[in-house]
N, C-alpha and C. Protein backbone atom coordinates (compact mmCIF):
# COMPACT_ATOMS: atom_id res chain seq x y z
N UNK A 1 270.64 -25.72 281.16
CA UNK A 1 271.92 -25.78 280.58
C UNK A 1 271.63 -25.27 278.93
N UNK A 2 272.80 -24.63 278.60
CA UNK A 2 272.98 -24.10 276.66
C UNK A 2 272.64 -24.67 275.55
N UNK A 3 272.19 -24.66 275.06
CA UNK A 3 272.78 -25.76 273.67
C UNK A 3 273.56 -25.36 273.10
N UNK A 4 275.05 -26.24 273.38
CA UNK A 4 276.20 -26.28 272.24
C UNK A 4 275.60 -26.70 271.04
N UNK A 5 276.65 -25.92 270.25
CA UNK A 5 277.05 -26.93 268.69
C UNK A 5 278.46 -27.63 268.18
N UNK A 6 278.23 -28.33 267.59
CA UNK A 6 279.47 -29.09 267.26
C UNK A 6 280.18 -27.84 266.02
N UNK A 7 281.56 -27.58 266.38
CA UNK A 7 282.28 -26.57 265.72
C UNK A 7 281.88 -26.88 264.26
N UNK A 8 282.30 -28.65 263.52
CA UNK A 8 281.62 -28.74 262.22
C UNK A 8 280.93 -29.36 261.61
N UNK A 9 280.07 -29.92 262.15
CA UNK A 9 278.64 -30.59 261.90
C UNK A 9 277.46 -29.57 262.55
N UNK A 10 277.32 -29.06 263.32
CA UNK A 10 276.43 -28.29 264.25
C UNK A 10 275.15 -29.06 264.60
N UNK A 11 275.75 -30.44 264.89
CA UNK A 11 274.77 -30.74 265.63
C UNK A 11 274.86 -30.45 267.53
N UNK A 12 273.74 -30.86 268.17
CA UNK A 12 273.91 -30.79 269.43
C UNK A 12 275.13 -31.37 270.47
N UNK A 13 275.89 -30.58 271.11
CA UNK A 13 276.95 -31.19 272.00
C UNK A 13 276.47 -31.94 273.33
N UNK A 14 276.57 -33.06 273.58
CA UNK A 14 276.36 -33.86 274.79
C UNK A 14 277.67 -33.95 275.45
N UNK A 15 277.49 -33.44 276.98
CA UNK A 15 278.41 -34.17 277.74
C UNK A 15 279.04 -33.05 278.56
N UNK A 16 280.11 -32.77 278.38
CA UNK A 16 281.13 -31.76 279.50
C UNK A 16 280.50 -30.43 278.75
N UNK A 17 280.81 -29.63 279.79
CA UNK A 17 280.80 -27.81 279.22
C UNK A 17 281.71 -27.69 278.42
N UNK A 18 282.76 -28.13 278.45
CA UNK A 18 283.79 -27.28 277.48
C UNK A 18 284.03 -28.44 276.03
N UNK A 19 283.15 -29.16 275.96
CA UNK A 19 283.35 -30.03 274.77
C UNK A 19 282.78 -29.17 273.44
N UNK A 20 283.63 -28.77 272.19
CA UNK A 20 283.17 -28.40 271.27
C UNK A 20 283.06 -29.34 270.25
N UNK A 21 283.07 -30.73 269.81
CA UNK A 21 282.47 -31.43 268.99
C UNK A 21 281.78 -32.89 269.43
N UNK A 22 281.00 -33.38 268.07
CA UNK A 22 279.84 -34.29 269.02
C UNK A 22 280.68 -35.45 268.81
N UNK A 23 281.82 -35.69 268.02
CA UNK A 23 282.10 -36.99 267.89
C UNK A 23 284.07 -37.03 267.44
N UNK A 24 284.64 -37.42 267.68
CA UNK A 24 286.35 -37.23 267.14
C UNK A 24 286.08 -37.45 265.71
N UNK A 25 285.03 -37.94 264.97
CA UNK A 25 285.23 -38.04 263.22
C UNK A 25 285.26 -36.24 263.14
N UNK A 26 284.29 -35.53 263.78
CA UNK A 26 284.17 -34.32 263.25
C UNK A 26 284.96 -32.97 263.86
N UNK A 27 286.12 -33.50 265.39
CA UNK A 27 286.93 -33.11 265.65
C UNK A 27 288.34 -33.41 264.81
N UNK A 28 288.55 -34.71 264.19
CA UNK A 28 289.76 -35.05 263.01
C UNK A 28 289.44 -34.33 261.95
N UNK A 29 288.01 -34.05 261.84
CA UNK A 29 287.84 -33.25 260.33
C UNK A 29 287.83 -32.01 260.43
N UNK A 30 287.71 -31.30 261.26
CA UNK A 30 287.36 -29.70 261.49
C UNK A 30 289.03 -29.63 262.00
N UNK A 31 289.82 -30.13 262.35
CA UNK A 31 291.43 -29.78 262.62
C UNK A 31 292.12 -30.20 261.21
N UNK A 32 291.77 -31.16 260.47
CA UNK A 32 292.46 -31.25 258.97
C UNK A 32 291.95 -30.13 258.59
N UNK A 33 290.58 -29.59 258.44
CA UNK A 33 290.38 -28.72 257.52
C UNK A 33 291.69 -27.06 257.66
N UNK A 34 291.32 -26.98 259.09
CA UNK A 34 291.97 -25.68 259.80
C UNK A 34 293.23 -25.31 259.07
N UNK A 35 293.65 -26.71 259.23
CA UNK A 35 295.70 -26.78 259.96
C UNK A 35 296.01 -27.45 258.09
N UNK A 36 294.82 -27.39 256.92
CA UNK A 36 295.26 -28.28 255.69
C UNK A 36 296.61 -27.82 255.06
N UNK A 37 296.35 -25.92 254.97
CA UNK A 37 297.72 -25.22 254.37
C UNK A 37 298.77 -25.38 254.44
N UNK A 38 299.04 -25.42 256.18
CA UNK A 38 300.25 -25.19 256.73
C UNK A 38 300.59 -27.08 256.95
N UNK A 39 300.00 -27.88 256.68
CA UNK A 39 300.47 -29.25 256.70
C UNK A 39 300.43 -30.06 255.17
N UNK A 40 299.93 -28.78 254.48
CA UNK A 40 300.41 -29.47 252.86
C UNK A 40 302.11 -28.68 252.64
N UNK A 41 301.71 -27.58 253.07
CA UNK A 41 303.34 -26.89 253.16
C UNK A 41 304.52 -28.00 253.67
N UNK A 42 304.27 -28.40 254.90
CA UNK A 42 305.38 -29.23 255.46
C UNK A 42 305.40 -30.36 254.69
N UNK A 43 304.35 -30.84 254.03
CA UNK A 43 303.92 -32.17 253.48
C UNK A 43 305.06 -32.10 252.12
N UNK A 44 304.99 -31.03 251.71
CA UNK A 44 306.04 -30.78 250.36
C UNK A 44 306.98 -30.79 250.38
N UNK A 45 307.53 -29.96 251.83
CA UNK A 45 309.13 -29.77 251.93
C UNK A 45 309.47 -31.42 252.66
N UNK A 46 308.74 -31.85 252.96
CA UNK A 46 309.47 -33.33 253.56
C UNK A 46 309.62 -34.13 252.19
N UNK A 47 308.76 -34.01 251.49
CA UNK A 47 308.32 -34.85 250.06
C UNK A 47 310.32 -34.07 249.35
N UNK A 48 310.17 -33.39 249.05
CA UNK A 48 311.51 -32.78 248.41
C UNK A 48 312.47 -33.44 249.52
N UNK A 49 312.89 -33.23 250.92
CA UNK A 49 314.00 -33.81 251.26
C UNK A 49 314.02 -35.24 251.14
N UNK A 50 313.06 -35.79 251.03
CA UNK A 50 313.10 -37.07 250.73
C UNK A 50 313.58 -37.81 249.63
N UNK A 51 313.24 -37.02 248.70
CA UNK A 51 313.64 -37.35 247.11
C UNK A 51 314.92 -36.76 246.95
N UNK A 52 315.62 -35.95 248.15
CA UNK A 52 316.67 -35.24 247.56
C UNK A 52 317.91 -36.33 248.41
N UNK A 53 317.33 -36.72 249.56
CA UNK A 53 318.07 -37.70 250.73
C UNK A 53 318.09 -39.59 249.53
N UNK A 54 317.33 -39.93 249.14
CA UNK A 54 316.86 -40.58 247.87
C UNK A 54 318.18 -40.58 246.94
N UNK A 55 318.25 -39.61 246.46
CA UNK A 55 318.88 -39.41 245.14
C UNK A 55 320.20 -39.45 246.01
N UNK A 56 320.62 -38.54 246.51
CA UNK A 56 322.33 -38.84 247.27
C UNK A 56 322.57 -39.71 247.48
N UNK A 57 321.82 -40.68 248.00
CA UNK A 57 322.18 -42.05 249.40
C UNK A 57 322.51 -43.10 247.52
N UNK A 58 321.77 -42.98 246.76
CA UNK A 58 321.38 -44.03 245.69
C UNK A 58 322.92 -43.47 244.88
N UNK A 59 323.55 -42.35 245.25
CA UNK A 59 324.45 -42.15 244.14
C UNK A 59 325.75 -42.34 244.72
N UNK A 60 325.68 -42.19 246.00
CA UNK A 60 326.84 -42.40 246.94
C UNK A 60 326.43 -43.69 247.81
N UNK A 61 327.04 -44.69 246.92
CA UNK A 61 327.07 -46.23 247.07
C UNK A 61 328.24 -46.41 248.18
N UNK A 62 329.42 -45.91 248.08
CA UNK A 62 330.73 -46.18 248.98
C UNK A 62 330.91 -44.87 250.09
N UNK A 63 330.43 -44.10 250.18
CA UNK A 63 330.17 -42.95 251.01
C UNK A 63 330.97 -41.84 250.91
N UNK A 64 331.53 -41.92 249.39
CA UNK A 64 332.41 -41.07 249.03
C UNK A 64 332.86 -40.78 247.24
N UNK A 65 331.60 -39.79 246.65
CA UNK A 65 331.56 -39.73 245.52
C UNK A 65 331.30 -38.98 244.90
N UNK A 66 332.65 -38.65 243.64
CA UNK A 66 332.16 -37.09 242.60
C UNK A 66 331.05 -37.23 241.60
N UNK A 67 330.31 -36.27 241.75
CA UNK A 67 329.31 -36.53 240.69
C UNK A 67 329.13 -35.22 240.34
N UNK A 68 328.34 -35.37 238.88
CA UNK A 68 328.48 -33.53 237.85
C UNK A 68 326.97 -33.04 238.16
N UNK A 69 327.27 -31.76 238.13
CA UNK A 69 325.32 -30.92 238.56
C UNK A 69 324.82 -31.61 238.10
N UNK A 70 324.87 -32.04 236.51
CA UNK A 70 323.75 -32.19 235.65
C UNK A 70 323.53 -34.04 235.86
N UNK A 71 324.21 -34.38 236.36
CA UNK A 71 323.79 -36.04 236.71
C UNK A 71 322.45 -35.54 238.16
N UNK A 72 322.79 -34.70 239.10
CA UNK A 72 322.04 -34.43 240.16
C UNK A 72 320.92 -33.71 239.34
N UNK A 73 320.77 -32.66 238.83
CA UNK A 73 319.69 -32.26 238.31
C UNK A 73 319.09 -33.48 237.02
N UNK A 74 319.50 -34.31 236.37
CA UNK A 74 318.87 -34.77 235.89
C UNK A 74 318.10 -36.41 236.65
N UNK A 75 318.32 -36.85 238.05
CA UNK A 75 317.69 -37.20 238.88
C UNK A 75 316.76 -36.82 239.77
N UNK A 76 316.62 -35.37 239.01
CA UNK A 76 315.64 -34.52 240.18
C UNK A 76 316.20 -33.68 241.22
N UNK A 77 317.12 -33.60 241.73
CA UNK A 77 317.69 -33.13 243.00
C UNK A 77 317.37 -31.65 242.84
N UNK A 78 316.99 -31.28 244.21
CA UNK A 78 316.55 -29.46 243.94
C UNK A 78 317.63 -29.33 245.03
N UNK A 79 318.44 -28.15 244.63
CA UNK A 79 319.51 -27.64 245.69
C UNK A 79 318.77 -26.77 246.65
N UNK A 80 317.54 -25.86 246.48
CA UNK A 80 317.27 -25.25 247.62
C UNK A 80 316.68 -26.15 248.59
N UNK A 81 316.49 -27.33 248.96
CA UNK A 81 316.11 -28.35 250.45
C UNK A 81 317.47 -29.00 250.47
N UNK A 82 317.53 -28.56 251.75
CA UNK A 82 318.40 -29.62 252.73
C UNK A 82 318.51 -29.12 254.03
N UNK A 83 319.22 -29.90 255.08
CA UNK A 83 318.69 -29.81 256.22
C UNK A 83 319.72 -29.10 257.14
N UNK A 84 320.94 -28.97 256.77
CA UNK A 84 321.52 -28.66 257.42
C UNK A 84 323.03 -28.04 256.87
N UNK A 85 323.67 -26.92 257.50
CA UNK A 85 324.80 -26.62 256.49
C UNK A 85 326.55 -26.78 257.81
N UNK A 86 327.58 -27.20 257.33
CA UNK A 86 328.49 -27.39 257.89
C UNK A 86 329.77 -26.66 257.28
N UNK A 87 330.07 -26.12 257.82
CA UNK A 87 331.43 -24.84 257.18
C UNK A 87 332.69 -25.48 257.74
N UNK A 88 333.24 -25.92 257.02
CA UNK A 88 334.96 -26.23 257.88
C UNK A 88 335.89 -24.88 258.03
N UNK A 89 336.78 -25.57 258.99
CA UNK A 89 338.05 -24.11 258.97
C UNK A 89 338.74 -23.87 257.98
N UNK A 90 338.62 -24.41 256.98
CA UNK A 90 339.22 -24.32 255.85
C UNK A 90 338.37 -23.36 254.63
N UNK A 91 336.85 -23.43 255.68
CA UNK A 91 336.19 -22.26 254.26
C UNK A 91 335.32 -23.22 253.57
N UNK A 92 335.50 -24.69 253.50
CA UNK A 92 334.78 -25.64 253.01
C UNK A 92 333.05 -25.58 253.32
N UNK A 93 332.36 -25.12 252.07
CA UNK A 93 330.76 -25.59 252.90
C UNK A 93 330.01 -26.79 252.19
N UNK A 94 329.62 -28.11 253.42
CA UNK A 94 329.28 -28.69 253.03
C UNK A 94 327.49 -28.63 253.14
N UNK A 95 326.88 -28.92 252.23
CA UNK A 95 324.94 -28.76 252.65
C UNK A 95 325.16 -30.47 252.85
N UNK A 96 324.41 -30.63 253.80
CA UNK A 96 323.49 -31.98 254.21
C UNK A 96 322.17 -32.17 254.01
N UNK A 97 321.50 -33.31 253.97
CA UNK A 97 320.10 -33.68 253.63
C UNK A 97 320.39 -35.04 254.81
N UNK A 98 319.88 -34.57 255.93
CA UNK A 98 320.11 -35.37 257.27
C UNK A 98 321.69 -35.99 257.50
N UNK A 99 321.81 -37.19 257.26
CA UNK A 99 323.15 -37.36 256.84
C UNK A 99 323.94 -37.56 255.41
N UNK A 100 323.25 -37.59 254.61
CA UNK A 100 324.18 -37.67 253.68
C UNK A 100 324.03 -35.97 252.96
N UNK A 101 326.01 -35.96 252.82
CA UNK A 101 326.43 -34.47 252.27
C UNK A 101 326.55 -34.13 250.85
N UNK A 102 326.81 -32.74 250.64
CA UNK A 102 327.64 -32.70 249.25
C UNK A 102 328.12 -31.61 249.53
N UNK A 103 329.56 -31.10 248.30
CA UNK A 103 330.31 -30.01 248.48
C UNK A 103 330.99 -29.67 247.19
N UNK A 104 330.90 -28.45 246.63
CA UNK A 104 330.49 -28.03 245.61
C UNK A 104 331.99 -27.81 245.40
N UNK A 105 332.54 -28.56 243.84
CA UNK A 105 333.83 -28.46 243.54
C UNK A 105 333.86 -27.50 242.56
N UNK A 106 335.13 -27.55 241.86
CA UNK A 106 335.02 -26.77 240.48
C UNK A 106 335.03 -27.76 239.40
N UNK A 107 334.23 -26.98 238.21
CA UNK A 107 334.32 -27.55 237.12
C UNK A 107 332.35 -28.00 237.30
N UNK A 108 331.45 -27.58 237.54
CA UNK A 108 330.25 -28.36 238.42
C UNK A 108 330.23 -29.26 238.62
N UNK A 109 331.01 -29.85 239.58
CA UNK A 109 331.40 -31.20 240.31
C UNK A 109 331.32 -31.04 241.86
N UNK A 110 330.34 -32.43 242.10
CA UNK A 110 330.04 -32.18 243.58
C UNK A 110 330.81 -33.59 244.45
N UNK A 111 331.49 -33.49 245.21
CA UNK A 111 331.45 -34.72 246.55
C UNK A 111 330.58 -34.64 247.05
N UNK A 112 329.55 -36.05 246.82
CA UNK A 112 328.97 -36.83 248.01
C UNK A 112 330.06 -37.46 249.03
N UNK A 113 329.28 -36.83 250.43
CA UNK A 113 329.95 -37.92 251.50
C UNK A 113 328.58 -38.46 252.39
N UNK A 114 328.75 -38.84 253.53
CA UNK A 114 328.07 -39.70 254.23
C UNK A 114 328.51 -39.44 255.44
N UNK A 115 327.77 -38.69 256.49
CA UNK A 115 328.37 -38.58 257.64
C UNK A 115 327.81 -40.08 258.09
N UNK A 116 328.83 -40.70 259.16
CA UNK A 116 328.65 -42.02 260.30
C UNK A 116 327.36 -41.35 260.94
N UNK A 117 326.75 -42.64 261.45
CA UNK A 117 325.83 -42.01 262.75
C UNK A 117 326.15 -42.10 264.01
């Protein structure tokens, strides 16, 4: 039987032939280290989406509200992050962050709407 080393701490691995780690701790540490960059990217995008959603839902209490671009910017809204786009037959394009949406109007104004679940 050959001596196998843990991929994380390099201790001898005992047990099944296909076992790569000496413990769950080492397995988790290894996978967290290997996947750190992609997890950080996903975490940062999710945080921005969460912030945008919170801003839209706080400003849109009634389900249909008009607000200025400045008000959205002042709250920290990031127009680059949304979850879906819906274009109507008339050509209006709504951007959604989950069920909270917005439509660009004239004079730097936006119509905030809420899709019913």
